[in-house]
């Protein structure tokens, strides 16, 4: 899972997003894996599976040039598998610099007003599945939470490729249930593996 996420995000192997979304469907919702690579998982509608009005991808900080970004690729594949429309109302308003090169004050200024919701988007009262590729410290989701509250969006679940203990704790604070296909209590273990 880790290799597939990095290969898709940084290596340009975009077909791996489809593989990851299929694995999300199999591991989280109990779909039967396909016997042929690239085919859809079978019987994706198990009893008791919650239905969502929309699947909403988290806007990427910096997608590869000419691509949609991994969260949108994951959301599109999950939309096909779950027969749920994908809506991308959230977007980045400015290019963001990598945080590790900035001071604390610059980091706060870098993220201020970095995301917005498209005008005319009405998600009030709708059940939404929020999709992202990885959730470590949750800077993007922390910035998006007030936007989602302003629009009346009800986030029923956050679905990520991998999740760390810090990300899980943040989701508990925000009141969003979260599922992942790969869990790391500490991000340092990612590098040790």
N, C-alpha and C. Protein backbone atom coordinates (compact mmCIF):
# COMPACT_ATOMS: atom_id res chain seq x y z
N UNK A 1 0.84 -1.19 0.00
CA UNK A 1 0.00 0.00 0.00
C UNK A 1 0.88 1.24 0.00
N UNK A 2 1.87 1.24 0.87
CA UNK A 2 2.77 2.40 0.96
C UNK A 2 3.46 2.66 -0.37
N UNK A 3 3.97 1.60 -0.99
CA UNK A 3 4.67 1.76 -2.26
C UNK A 3 3.71 2.27 -3.33
N UNK A 4 2.50 1.78 -3.35
CA UNK A 4 1.53 2.20 -4.36
C UNK A 4 1.18 3.68 -4.20
N UNK A 5 1.02 4.14 -2.96
CA UNK A 5 0.70 5.55 -2.72
C UNK A 5 1.84 6.44 -3.21
N UNK A 6 3.07 6.10 -2.84
CA UNK A 6 4.21 6.93 -3.26
C UNK A 6 4.44 6.86 -4.76
N UNK A 7 4.26 5.69 -5.35
CA UNK A 7 4.46 5.56 -6.80
C UNK A 7 3.43 6.38 -7.56
N UNK A 8 2.22 6.45 -7.05
CA UNK A 8 1.18 7.23 -7.72
C UNK A 8 1.40 8.73 -7.51
N UNK A 9 1.72 9.12 -6.28
CA UNK A 9 1.87 10.55 -5.98
C UNK A 9 3.12 11.15 -6.60
N UNK A 10 4.24 10.46 -6.46
CA UNK A 10 5.49 11.06 -6.88
C UNK A 10 6.10 10.41 -8.11
N UNK A 11 5.69 9.19 -8.40
CA UNK A 11 6.29 8.48 -9.54
C UNK A 11 5.47 8.57 -10.81
N UNK A 12 4.28 9.14 -10.73
CA UNK A 12 3.47 9.30 -11.92
C UNK A 12 2.76 8.03 -12.37
N UNK A 13 2.74 6.99 -11.55
CA UNK A 13 2.06 5.74 -11.90
C UNK A 13 0.60 5.86 -11.48
N UNK A 14 -0.17 6.60 -12.27
CA UNK A 14 -1.54 6.95 -11.89
C UNK A 14 -2.47 5.76 -11.85
N UNK A 15 -2.15 4.69 -12.55
CA UNK A 15 -3.00 3.51 -12.54
C UNK A 15 -3.07 2.89 -11.15
N UNK A 16 -2.10 3.22 -10.29
CA UNK A 16 -2.12 2.66 -8.93
C UNK A 16 -3.27 3.21 -8.09
N UNK A 17 -3.81 4.36 -8.45
CA UNK A 17 -4.96 4.92 -7.71
C UNK A 17 -6.14 3.98 -7.86
N UNK A 18 -6.31 3.41 -9.02
CA UNK A 18 -7.41 2.45 -9.24
C UNK A 18 -7.21 1.21 -8.37
N UNK A 19 -5.97 0.75 -8.31
CA UNK A 19 -5.63 -0.41 -7.48
C UNK A 19 -5.92 -0.12 -6.00
N UNK A 20 -5.54 1.06 -5.54
CA UNK A 20 -5.78 1.43 -4.14
C UNK A 20 -7.27 1.57 -3.84
N UNK A 21 -8.03 2.18 -4.74
CA UNK A 21 -9.47 2.32 -4.52
C UNK A 21 -10.14 0.96 -4.48
N UNK A 22 -9.70 0.03 -5.32
CA UNK A 22 -10.24 -1.33 -5.27
C UNK A 22 -9.92 -1.98 -3.94
N UNK A 23 -8.71 -1.77 -3.46
CA UNK A 23 -8.33 -2.35 -2.16
C UNK A 23 -9.13 -1.72 -1.03
N UNK A 24 -9.41 -0.41 -1.13
CA UNK A 24 -10.26 0.25 -0.12
C UNK A 24 -11.63 -0.41 -0.09
N UNK A 25 -12.19 -0.66 -1.27
CA UNK A 25 -13.52 -1.29 -1.35
C UNK A 25 -13.50 -2.69 -0.76
N UNK A 26 -12.44 -3.44 -1.02
CA UNK A 26 -12.36 -4.81 -0.53
C UNK A 26 -12.16 -4.85 0.98
N UNK A 27 -11.20 -4.10 1.48
CA UNK A 27 -10.86 -4.19 2.90
C UNK A 27 -11.87 -3.49 3.81
N UNK A 28 -12.41 -2.37 3.37
CA UNK A 28 -13.28 -1.59 4.25
C UNK A 28 -14.73 -2.01 4.14
N UNK A 29 -15.20 -2.30 2.93
CA UNK A 29 -16.61 -2.63 2.77
C UNK A 29 -16.87 -4.09 2.47
N UNK A 30 -15.85 -4.92 2.47
CA UNK A 30 -16.06 -6.35 2.31
C UNK A 30 -16.42 -6.80 0.92
N UNK A 31 -16.07 -6.04 -0.10
CA UNK A 31 -16.31 -6.49 -1.47
C UNK A 31 -15.39 -7.67 -1.78
N UNK A 32 -15.78 -8.49 -2.71
CA UNK A 32 -14.96 -9.63 -3.11
C UNK A 32 -13.92 -9.15 -4.13
N UNK A 33 -12.64 -9.45 -3.90
CA UNK A 33 -11.63 -9.00 -4.88
C UNK A 33 -11.84 -9.69 -6.22
N UNK A 34 -11.46 -8.99 -7.28
CA UNK A 34 -11.60 -9.59 -8.61
C UNK A 34 -10.46 -10.59 -8.82
N UNK A 35 -10.69 -11.55 -9.69
CA UNK A 35 -9.68 -12.56 -9.96
C UNK A 35 -8.72 -12.10 -11.05
N UNK A 36 -9.08 -11.04 -11.75
CA UNK A 36 -8.24 -10.51 -12.82
C UNK A 36 -7.82 -9.10 -12.45
N UNK A 37 -6.51 -8.79 -12.50
CA UNK A 37 -6.07 -7.43 -12.16
C UNK A 37 -6.74 -6.40 -13.06
N UNK A 38 -7.12 -5.26 -12.47
CA UNK A 38 -7.74 -4.18 -13.22
C UNK A 38 -9.25 -4.27 -13.32
N UNK A 39 -9.83 -5.41 -12.97
CA UNK A 39 -11.29 -5.55 -13.01
C UNK A 39 -11.88 -5.08 -11.68
N UNK A 40 -13.17 -4.77 -11.71
CA UNK A 40 -13.84 -4.31 -10.50
C UNK A 40 -14.01 -5.43 -9.48
N UNK A 41 -13.95 -5.06 -8.19
CA UNK A 41 -14.31 -6.04 -7.16
C UNK A 41 -15.78 -6.43 -7.31
N UNK A 42 -16.10 -7.64 -6.95
CA UNK A 42 -17.47 -8.15 -7.13
C UNK A 42 -18.31 -7.93 -5.88
N UNK A 43 -19.62 -7.84 -6.07
CA UNK A 43 -20.60 -7.74 -4.99
C UNK A 43 -20.25 -6.65 -4.00
N UNK A 44 -20.27 -5.41 -4.49
CA UNK A 44 -19.83 -4.30 -3.65
C UNK A 44 -20.90 -3.76 -2.72
N UNK A 45 -22.10 -4.23 -2.78
CA UNK A 45 -23.15 -3.67 -1.93
C UNK A 45 -23.53 -4.64 -0.82
N UNK A 46 -22.66 -4.82 0.19
CA UNK A 46 -23.01 -5.70 1.29
C UNK A 46 -24.14 -5.11 2.13
N UNK A 47 -24.81 -5.96 2.86
CA UNK A 47 -25.92 -5.52 3.70
C UNK A 47 -25.40 -4.56 4.76
N UNK A 48 -26.10 -3.47 4.95
CA UNK A 48 -25.74 -2.50 5.98
C UNK A 48 -24.71 -1.47 5.55
N UNK A 49 -24.27 -1.51 4.31
CA UNK A 49 -23.30 -0.53 3.84
C UNK A 49 -23.96 0.84 3.74
N UNK A 50 -23.40 1.86 4.38
CA UNK A 50 -24.03 3.18 4.30
C UNK A 50 -23.96 3.74 2.89
N UNK A 51 -24.98 4.40 2.50
CA UNK A 51 -25.02 5.05 1.19
C UNK A 51 -24.71 6.53 1.39
N UNK A 52 -24.01 7.08 0.44
CA UNK A 52 -23.64 8.48 0.49
C UNK A 52 -24.27 9.21 -0.68
N UNK A 53 -24.54 10.48 -0.48
CA UNK A 53 -25.05 11.28 -1.59
C UNK A 53 -23.92 11.63 -2.54
N UNK A 54 -22.73 11.93 -1.97
CA UNK A 54 -21.58 12.32 -2.79
C UNK A 54 -20.30 11.77 -2.20
N UNK A 55 -19.34 11.57 -3.08
CA UNK A 55 -17.96 11.32 -2.67
C UNK A 55 -17.21 12.60 -3.00
N UNK A 56 -16.53 13.17 -1.99
CA UNK A 56 -15.83 14.44 -2.16
C UNK A 56 -14.34 14.22 -1.92
N UNK A 57 -13.49 14.47 -2.93
CA UNK A 57 -12.05 14.36 -2.71
C UNK A 57 -11.49 15.60 -2.03
N UNK A 58 -10.49 15.40 -1.21
CA UNK A 58 -9.78 16.51 -0.58
C UNK A 58 -8.87 17.11 -1.65
N UNK A 59 -8.85 18.44 -1.82
CA UNK A 59 -7.99 19.01 -2.86
C UNK A 59 -6.52 18.78 -2.54
N UNK A 60 -5.74 18.34 -3.52
CA UNK A 60 -4.32 18.08 -3.25
C UNK A 60 -3.54 19.38 -3.08
N UNK A 61 -2.47 19.30 -2.33
CA UNK A 61 -1.61 20.47 -2.15
C UNK A 61 -0.95 20.82 -3.47
N UNK A 62 -0.44 19.81 -4.14
CA UNK A 62 0.26 20.05 -5.40
C UNK A 62 0.18 18.81 -6.28
N UNK A 63 -0.83 18.71 -7.16
CA UNK A 63 -0.90 17.54 -8.03
C UNK A 63 0.19 17.58 -9.10
N UNK A 64 0.49 16.41 -9.66
CA UNK A 64 1.44 16.37 -10.77
C UNK A 64 0.88 17.18 -11.93
N UNK A 65 1.72 17.86 -12.69
CA UNK A 65 1.21 18.66 -13.82
C UNK A 65 0.42 17.79 -14.80
N UNK A 66 -0.76 18.28 -15.17
CA UNK A 66 -1.59 17.57 -16.14
C UNK A 66 -2.41 16.43 -15.57
N UNK A 67 -2.41 16.26 -14.23
CA UNK A 67 -3.19 15.19 -13.61
C UNK A 67 -4.23 15.78 -12.66
N UNK A 68 -5.15 14.95 -12.27
CA UNK A 68 -6.23 15.40 -11.40
C UNK A 68 -5.85 15.39 -9.93
N UNK A 69 -4.81 14.72 -9.55
CA UNK A 69 -4.44 14.56 -8.15
C UNK A 69 -4.97 13.24 -7.63
N UNK A 70 -4.22 12.63 -6.73
CA UNK A 70 -4.57 11.29 -6.27
C UNK A 70 -5.91 11.20 -5.56
N UNK A 71 -6.29 12.16 -4.68
CA UNK A 71 -7.60 12.04 -4.05
C UNK A 71 -8.75 12.00 -5.05
N UNK A 72 -8.67 12.80 -6.11
CA UNK A 72 -9.73 12.79 -7.12
C UNK A 72 -9.75 11.48 -7.90
N UNK A 73 -8.57 10.93 -8.19
CA UNK A 73 -8.51 9.63 -8.88
C UNK A 73 -9.13 8.53 -8.03
N UNK A 74 -8.81 8.55 -6.72
CA UNK A 74 -9.41 7.57 -5.81
C UNK A 74 -10.92 7.74 -5.74
N UNK A 75 -11.36 8.99 -5.64
CA UNK A 75 -12.80 9.26 -5.54
C UNK A 75 -13.53 8.80 -6.80
N UNK A 76 -12.95 9.06 -7.97
CA UNK A 76 -13.61 8.63 -9.21
C UNK A 76 -13.78 7.13 -9.28
N UNK A 77 -12.74 6.39 -8.90
CA UNK A 77 -12.85 4.93 -8.93
C UNK A 77 -13.86 4.44 -7.89
N UNK A 78 -13.83 5.00 -6.70
CA UNK A 78 -14.81 4.61 -5.68
C UNK A 78 -16.23 4.97 -6.12
N UNK A 79 -16.37 6.08 -6.83
CA UNK A 79 -17.68 6.46 -7.36
C UNK A 79 -18.22 5.43 -8.33
N UNK A 80 -17.34 4.88 -9.16
CA UNK A 80 -17.75 3.83 -10.09
C UNK A 80 -18.15 2.57 -9.31
N UNK A 81 -17.32 2.20 -8.33
CA UNK A 81 -17.57 0.97 -7.58
C UNK A 81 -18.82 1.07 -6.72
N UNK A 82 -19.06 2.23 -6.12
CA UNK A 82 -20.18 2.39 -5.20
C UNK A 82 -21.41 2.97 -5.88
N UNK A 83 -21.29 3.31 -7.16
CA UNK A 83 -22.37 3.92 -7.91
C UNK A 83 -22.88 5.18 -7.20
N UNK A 84 -21.91 6.03 -6.84
CA UNK A 84 -22.17 7.27 -6.13
C UNK A 84 -21.50 8.41 -6.89
N UNK A 85 -22.19 9.54 -7.07
CA UNK A 85 -21.57 10.64 -7.81
C UNK A 85 -20.39 11.26 -7.05
N UNK A 86 -19.40 11.68 -7.81
CA UNK A 86 -18.22 12.36 -7.25
C UNK A 86 -18.40 13.85 -7.50
N UNK A 87 -18.25 14.63 -6.45
CA UNK A 87 -18.38 16.08 -6.54
C UNK A 87 -17.12 16.69 -5.96
N UNK A 88 -16.50 17.63 -6.66
CA UNK A 88 -15.27 18.27 -6.19
C UNK A 88 -15.53 19.76 -5.92
N UNK A 89 -16.24 20.07 -4.82
CA UNK A 89 -16.55 21.47 -4.53
C UNK A 89 -15.40 22.24 -3.89
N UNK A 90 -14.41 21.53 -3.36
CA UNK A 90 -13.30 22.17 -2.66
C UNK A 90 -12.12 22.32 -3.61
N UNK A 91 -11.42 23.44 -3.51
CA UNK A 91 -10.26 23.65 -4.36
C UNK A 91 -9.23 24.51 -3.65
N UNK A 92 -7.98 24.45 -4.14
CA UNK A 92 -6.90 25.29 -3.61
C UNK A 92 -6.96 26.65 -4.27
N UNK A 93 -6.86 27.70 -3.48
CA UNK A 93 -6.94 29.05 -4.02
C UNK A 93 -5.58 29.59 -4.44
N UNK A 94 -4.52 28.97 -3.95
CA UNK A 94 -3.17 29.45 -4.30
C UNK A 94 -2.20 28.28 -4.19
N UNK A 95 -1.07 28.36 -4.90
CA UNK A 95 -0.07 27.31 -4.76
C UNK A 95 0.57 27.38 -3.37
N UNK A 96 0.72 26.23 -2.76
CA UNK A 96 1.28 26.19 -1.40
C UNK A 96 2.73 25.74 -1.43
N UNK A 97 3.54 26.36 -0.59
CA UNK A 97 4.94 25.99 -0.49
C UNK A 97 5.08 24.83 0.48
N UNK A 98 6.10 23.98 0.32
CA UNK A 98 6.33 22.91 1.30
C UNK A 98 6.56 23.50 2.69
N UNK A 99 5.91 22.92 3.67
CA UNK A 99 5.93 23.46 5.04
C UNK A 99 7.30 23.36 5.70
N UNK A 100 8.10 22.35 5.35
CA UNK A 100 9.35 22.13 6.07
C UNK A 100 10.36 23.26 5.84
N UNK A 101 10.18 24.05 4.78
CA UNK A 101 11.11 25.13 4.48
C UNK A 101 10.70 26.46 5.12
N UNK A 102 9.57 26.49 5.83
CA UNK A 102 9.02 27.75 6.34
C UNK A 102 9.11 27.85 7.86
N UNK A 103 9.14 29.10 8.36
CA UNK A 103 9.06 29.33 9.80
C UNK A 103 7.61 29.16 10.23
N UNK A 104 7.36 29.19 11.53
CA UNK A 104 5.99 29.02 12.03
C UNK A 104 5.05 30.10 11.49
N UNK A 105 5.49 31.35 11.52
CA UNK A 105 4.65 32.45 11.03
C UNK A 105 4.38 32.29 9.52
N UNK A 106 5.39 31.89 8.78
CA UNK A 106 5.22 31.68 7.33
C UNK A 106 4.28 30.51 7.05
N UNK A 107 4.34 29.48 7.89
CA UNK A 107 3.45 28.33 7.72
C UNK A 107 1.99 28.75 7.88
N UNK A 108 1.73 29.55 8.91
CA UNK A 108 0.36 30.00 9.14
C UNK A 108 -0.13 30.87 7.99
N UNK A 109 0.74 31.75 7.50
CA UNK A 109 0.36 32.61 6.37
C UNK A 109 0.18 31.79 5.10
N UNK A 110 0.99 30.74 4.94
CA UNK A 110 0.92 29.88 3.77
C UNK A 110 -0.44 29.17 3.69
N UNK A 111 -0.95 28.72 4.81
CA UNK A 111 -2.20 27.96 4.83
C UNK A 111 -3.44 28.83 4.95
N UNK A 112 -3.27 30.11 5.34
CA UNK A 112 -4.43 30.98 5.52
C UNK A 112 -5.14 31.19 4.19
N UNK A 113 -6.43 30.98 4.18
CA UNK A 113 -7.27 31.12 2.98
C UNK A 113 -6.74 30.32 1.80
N UNK A 114 -6.15 29.17 2.07
CA UNK A 114 -5.57 28.34 1.01
C UNK A 114 -6.63 27.52 0.28
N UNK A 115 -7.80 27.31 0.90
CA UNK A 115 -8.84 26.49 0.30
C UNK A 115 -10.16 27.25 0.29
N UNK A 116 -11.00 26.91 -0.66
CA UNK A 116 -12.32 27.53 -0.76
C UNK A 116 -13.30 26.51 -1.31
N UNK A 117 -14.58 26.84 -1.20
CA UNK A 117 -15.64 26.00 -1.75
C UNK A 117 -16.21 26.71 -2.97
N UNK A 118 -16.44 25.98 -4.04
CA UNK A 118 -16.96 26.58 -5.28
C UNK A 118 -18.30 27.24 -5.01
N UNK A 119 -18.53 28.43 -5.56
CA UNK A 119 -19.80 29.12 -5.35
C UNK A 119 -20.96 28.31 -5.92
N UNK A 120 -22.08 28.35 -5.24
CA UNK A 120 -23.27 27.64 -5.70
C UNK A 120 -23.33 26.18 -5.30
N UNK A 121 -22.33 25.72 -4.57
CA UNK A 121 -22.34 24.33 -4.12
C UNK A 121 -23.20 24.22 -2.87
N UNK A 122 -24.22 23.38 -2.93
CA UNK A 122 -25.10 23.18 -1.78
C UNK A 122 -25.05 21.72 -1.36
N UNK A 123 -24.36 21.47 -0.26
CA UNK A 123 -24.25 20.11 0.27
C UNK A 123 -24.97 19.99 1.61
N UNK A 124 -25.81 20.96 1.94
CA UNK A 124 -26.48 20.94 3.23
C UNK A 124 -27.40 19.73 3.34
N UNK A 125 -27.20 19.00 4.44
CA UNK A 125 -28.02 17.82 4.69
C UNK A 125 -27.65 16.59 3.90
N UNK A 126 -26.59 16.66 3.10
CA UNK A 126 -26.17 15.52 2.28
C UNK A 126 -25.13 14.70 3.03
N UNK A 127 -25.21 13.38 2.85
CA UNK A 127 -24.21 12.48 3.44
C UNK A 127 -23.02 12.43 2.49
N UNK A 128 -21.84 12.74 3.04
CA UNK A 128 -20.64 12.87 2.21
C UNK A 128 -19.55 11.92 2.71
N UNK A 129 -18.88 11.29 1.75
CA UNK A 129 -17.69 10.49 2.02
C UNK A 129 -16.51 11.33 1.55
N UNK A 130 -15.63 11.73 2.46
CA UNK A 130 -14.47 12.54 2.15
C UNK A 130 -13.29 11.60 1.89
N UNK A 131 -12.60 11.75 0.76
CA UNK A 131 -11.54 10.82 0.36
C UNK A 131 -10.21 11.56 0.24
N UNK A 132 -9.17 10.96 0.82
CA UNK A 132 -7.81 11.48 0.69
C UNK A 132 -6.86 10.30 0.61
N UNK A 133 -5.63 10.55 0.16
CA UNK A 133 -4.69 9.45 0.04
C UNK A 133 -3.98 9.16 1.35
N UNK A 134 -3.57 10.19 2.09
CA UNK A 134 -2.90 9.98 3.37
C UNK A 134 -3.32 11.04 4.38
N UNK A 135 -3.32 10.64 5.62
CA UNK A 135 -3.70 11.57 6.70
C UNK A 135 -2.72 11.39 7.84
N UNK A 136 -1.82 12.36 7.98
CA UNK A 136 -0.84 12.30 9.06
C UNK A 136 -1.18 13.34 10.12
N UNK A 137 -0.85 14.61 9.85
CA UNK A 137 -1.15 15.63 10.84
C UNK A 137 -2.44 16.38 10.54
N UNK A 138 -3.01 16.17 9.36
CA UNK A 138 -4.33 16.70 9.04
C UNK A 138 -4.41 18.18 8.81
N UNK A 139 -3.33 18.80 8.30
CA UNK A 139 -3.37 20.25 8.07
C UNK A 139 -4.45 20.63 7.07
N UNK A 140 -4.57 19.85 5.99
CA UNK A 140 -5.59 20.18 4.99
C UNK A 140 -6.99 20.00 5.54
N UNK A 141 -7.23 18.87 6.22
CA UNK A 141 -8.58 18.62 6.75
C UNK A 141 -8.91 19.64 7.83
N UNK A 142 -7.92 20.03 8.62
CA UNK A 142 -8.16 21.05 9.65
C UNK A 142 -8.58 22.37 9.01
N UNK A 143 -7.99 22.71 7.87
CA UNK A 143 -8.36 23.93 7.16
C UNK A 143 -9.70 23.79 6.43
N UNK A 144 -10.03 22.58 6.01
CA UNK A 144 -11.28 22.36 5.28
C UNK A 144 -12.49 22.22 6.19
N UNK A 145 -12.30 21.83 7.44
CA UNK A 145 -13.42 21.60 8.35
C UNK A 145 -14.33 22.82 8.50
N UNK A 146 -13.79 24.05 8.68
CA UNK A 146 -14.69 25.21 8.76
C UNK A 146 -15.47 25.45 7.46
N UNK A 147 -14.84 25.20 6.31
CA UNK A 147 -15.55 25.35 5.03
C UNK A 147 -16.70 24.37 4.93
N UNK A 148 -16.46 23.15 5.36
CA UNK A 148 -17.51 22.13 5.31
C UNK A 148 -18.65 22.48 6.25
N UNK A 149 -18.32 23.05 7.41
CA UNK A 149 -19.36 23.48 8.35
C UNK A 149 -20.17 24.64 7.79
N UNK A 150 -19.50 25.59 7.12
CA UNK A 150 -20.21 26.74 6.54
C UNK A 150 -21.23 26.31 5.49
N UNK A 151 -20.88 25.30 4.71
CA UNK A 151 -21.80 24.85 3.65
C UNK A 151 -22.82 23.86 4.17
N UNK A 152 -22.74 23.49 5.45
CA UNK A 152 -23.70 22.55 6.02
C UNK A 152 -23.46 21.12 5.61
N UNK A 153 -22.25 20.82 5.17
CA UNK A 153 -21.90 19.48 4.71
C UNK A 153 -21.77 18.53 5.90
N UNK A 154 -22.41 17.39 5.81
CA UNK A 154 -22.34 16.37 6.86
C UNK A 154 -21.36 15.28 6.41
N UNK A 155 -20.16 15.32 6.94
CA UNK A 155 -19.15 14.33 6.60
C UNK A 155 -19.43 13.08 7.43
N UNK A 156 -19.92 12.03 6.76
CA UNK A 156 -20.24 10.80 7.47
C UNK A 156 -19.02 9.92 7.70
N UNK A 157 -18.04 10.01 6.83
CA UNK A 157 -16.85 9.20 6.96
C UNK A 157 -15.73 9.83 6.15
N UNK A 158 -14.50 9.67 6.66
CA UNK A 158 -13.29 10.05 5.94
C UNK A 158 -12.59 8.75 5.59
N UNK A 159 -12.23 8.60 4.33
CA UNK A 159 -11.58 7.38 3.84
C UNK A 159 -10.21 7.75 3.31
N UNK A 160 -9.16 7.13 3.85
CA UNK A 160 -7.80 7.44 3.44
C UNK A 160 -7.04 6.16 3.12
N UNK A 161 -5.96 6.32 2.35
CA UNK A 161 -5.10 5.18 2.04
C UNK A 161 -4.32 4.77 3.27
N UNK A 162 -3.59 5.71 3.88
CA UNK A 162 -2.95 5.39 5.15
C UNK A 162 -3.22 6.47 6.16
N UNK A 163 -3.19 6.06 7.40
CA UNK A 163 -3.58 6.90 8.53
C UNK A 163 -2.55 6.73 9.63
N UNK A 164 -2.17 7.83 10.27
CA UNK A 164 -1.27 7.74 11.43
C UNK A 164 -2.07 8.00 12.70
N UNK A 165 -1.44 7.76 13.83
CA UNK A 165 -2.10 7.99 15.12
C UNK A 165 -2.50 9.44 15.30
N UNK A 166 -1.65 10.37 14.84
CA UNK A 166 -1.96 11.79 14.94
C UNK A 166 -3.20 12.14 14.11
N UNK A 167 -3.29 11.57 12.91
CA UNK A 167 -4.45 11.81 12.05
C UNK A 167 -5.72 11.25 12.65
N UNK A 168 -5.63 10.05 13.26
CA UNK A 168 -6.79 9.45 13.91
C UNK A 168 -7.28 10.31 15.06
N UNK A 169 -6.34 10.85 15.84
CA UNK A 169 -6.72 11.72 16.96
C UNK A 169 -7.40 13.00 16.48
N UNK A 170 -6.90 13.58 15.39
CA UNK A 170 -7.51 14.78 14.84
C UNK A 170 -8.94 14.50 14.37
N UNK A 171 -9.16 13.36 13.73
CA UNK A 171 -10.50 13.02 13.26
C UNK A 171 -11.46 12.85 14.43
N UNK A 172 -10.96 12.31 15.54
CA UNK A 172 -11.79 12.21 16.74
C UNK A 172 -12.17 13.60 17.26
N UNK A 173 -11.21 14.53 17.24
CA UNK A 173 -11.49 15.90 17.69
C UNK A 173 -12.54 16.57 16.80
N UNK A 174 -12.44 16.35 15.49
CA UNK A 174 -13.38 16.96 14.56
C UNK A 174 -14.72 16.22 14.51
N UNK A 175 -14.76 15.02 15.05
CA UNK A 175 -15.99 14.23 15.06
C UNK A 175 -16.26 13.50 13.75
N UNK A 176 -15.20 13.25 12.97
CA UNK A 176 -15.34 12.52 11.71
C UNK A 176 -14.88 11.08 11.90
N UNK A 177 -15.73 10.09 11.62
CA UNK A 177 -15.25 8.71 11.63
C UNK A 177 -14.27 8.52 10.47
N UNK A 178 -13.22 7.74 10.69
CA UNK A 178 -12.20 7.56 9.66
C UNK A 178 -11.89 6.08 9.47
N UNK A 179 -11.67 5.69 8.22
CA UNK A 179 -11.24 4.34 7.87
C UNK A 179 -10.00 4.44 6.99
N UNK A 180 -9.14 3.44 7.08
CA UNK A 180 -7.95 3.42 6.23
C UNK A 180 -7.62 1.98 5.88
N UNK A 181 -6.76 1.83 4.86
CA UNK A 181 -6.33 0.49 4.51
C UNK A 181 -4.94 0.20 5.07
N UNK A 182 -4.29 1.21 5.61
CA UNK A 182 -2.95 1.05 6.18
C UNK A 182 -2.86 1.99 7.36
N UNK A 183 -2.53 1.47 8.55
CA UNK A 183 -2.47 2.30 9.75
C UNK A 183 -1.08 2.25 10.33
N UNK A 184 -0.53 3.41 10.66
CA UNK A 184 0.76 3.54 11.33
C UNK A 184 0.55 4.33 12.61
N UNK A 185 0.86 3.76 13.76
CA UNK A 185 0.72 4.55 14.98
C UNK A 185 1.64 5.78 14.97
N UNK A 186 2.81 5.64 14.33
CA UNK A 186 3.78 6.72 14.30
C UNK A 186 4.39 6.77 12.90
N UNK A 187 4.52 7.96 12.33
CA UNK A 187 5.04 8.10 10.97
C UNK A 187 6.49 7.64 10.85
N UNK A 188 7.24 7.66 11.92
CA UNK A 188 8.64 7.21 11.86
C UNK A 188 8.73 5.75 11.43
N UNK A 189 7.72 4.95 11.77
CA UNK A 189 7.73 3.55 11.37
C UNK A 189 7.65 3.40 9.85
N UNK A 190 7.03 4.37 9.18
CA UNK A 190 6.95 4.36 7.71
C UNK A 190 8.36 4.31 7.13
N UNK A 191 9.25 5.13 7.67
CA UNK A 191 10.61 5.22 7.15
C UNK A 191 11.44 4.02 7.58
N UNK A 192 11.18 3.46 8.74
CA UNK A 192 11.92 2.30 9.22
C UNK A 192 11.57 1.08 8.38
N UNK A 193 10.28 0.92 8.00
CA UNK A 193 9.88 -0.21 7.19
C UNK A 193 10.57 -0.16 5.85
